[in-house]
Amino acid sequence: MAVHWIGVRDWQQSISAQRVWGQPDFWHMHHDWRSHGDIDWDHDIVIIGDSGTGHPIEWTWQDHELH
């Protein structure tokens, strides 16, 4: 099981999510098809922040290059 954050950009949101779930295994800026492929929807925990969406957006962001 992995913890994914999607669209958690606000400092207070990240502190709140850490208190409940701990540090994320994956931190996605957007819910795009690349991040959608990283998530095991049957076992992983997905936290969607204020900047996230419930469905993948049409374009892909290479956020993995930032970390």
Protein backbone atom coordinates (compact mmCIF):
# COMPACT_ATOMS: atom_id res chain seq x y z
CA MET A 1 0.00 0.00 0.00
CA ALA A 2 1.29 3.46 -0.94
CA VAL A 3 0.07 6.94 -0.02
CA HIS A 4 -0.47 9.36 -2.93
CA TRP A 5 -1.11 13.07 -2.62
CA ILE A 6 -2.75 14.72 -5.60
CA GLY A 7 -2.99 18.50 -5.79
CA VAL A 8 -1.85 19.05 -2.19
CA ARG A 9 0.04 22.33 -2.56
CA ASP A 10 -1.06 24.33 0.45
CA TRP A 11 1.20 24.14 3.50
CA GLN A 12 -1.72 23.62 5.89
CA GLN A 13 -3.15 20.80 3.74
CA SER A 14 0.19 19.02 3.71
CA ILE A 15 0.53 19.30 7.52
CA SER A 16 -3.01 17.97 8.00
CA ALA A 17 -2.45 15.08 5.60
CA GLN A 18 0.85 14.19 7.29
CA ARG A 19 -0.84 14.05 10.69
CA VAL A 20 -3.32 11.46 9.44
CA TRP A 21 -1.39 9.48 6.80
CA GLY A 22 2.29 10.33 7.34
CA GLN A 23 4.65 11.31 4.55
CA PRO A 24 3.42 10.54 1.02
CA ASP A 25 5.09 7.87 -1.07
CA PHE A 26 4.06 9.82 -4.18
CA TRP A 27 3.27 13.52 -4.43
CA HIS A 28 1.51 14.39 -7.69
CA MET A 29 0.91 18.03 -8.64
CA HIS A 30 -1.94 16.98 -10.93
CA HIS A 31 -4.14 13.96 -11.39
CA ASP A 32 -2.94 13.20 -14.90
CA TRP A 33 -2.68 9.89 -16.75
CA ARG A 34 0.91 9.41 -15.61
CA SER A 35 -0.04 9.64 -11.93
CA HIS A 36 -3.17 7.61 -12.59
CA GLY A 37 -0.91 4.78 -13.77
CA ASP A 38 1.16 4.97 -10.56
CA ILE A 39 -1.85 4.33 -8.33
CA ASP A 40 -3.01 0.84 -7.38
CA TRP A 41 -6.68 1.74 -7.02
CA ASP A 42 -7.45 -1.43 -5.07
CA HIS A 43 -4.82 -0.94 -2.34
CA ASP A 44 -3.31 2.57 -2.29
CA ILE A 45 -4.53 5.57 -0.34
CA VAL A 46 -5.17 8.67 -2.44
CA ILE A 47 -5.50 12.10 -0.82
CA ILE A 48 -6.87 14.76 -3.18
CA GLY A 49 -6.12 18.35 -2.15
CA ASP A 50 -7.80 21.58 -3.19
CA SER A 51 -5.76 21.71 -6.41
CA GLY A 52 -6.54 18.10 -7.35
CA THR A 53 -9.32 16.58 -9.41
CA GLY A 54 -11.19 13.31 -9.07
CA HIS A 55 -10.61 12.39 -12.71
CA PRO A 56 -7.37 12.54 -14.71
CA ILE A 57 -6.83 15.71 -16.71
CA GLU A 58 -6.17 15.44 -20.45
CA TRP A 59 -2.48 16.42 -20.41
CA THR A 60 0.48 14.99 -18.51
CA TRP A 61 2.82 16.83 -16.15
CA GLN A 62 6.27 15.36 -15.50
CA ASP A 63 6.17 16.08 -11.78
CA HIS A 64 8.41 13.10 -11.04
CA GLU A 65 11.29 15.18 -12.37
CA LEU A 66 10.84 17.68 -9.51
CA HIS A 67 11.68 15.20 -6.73
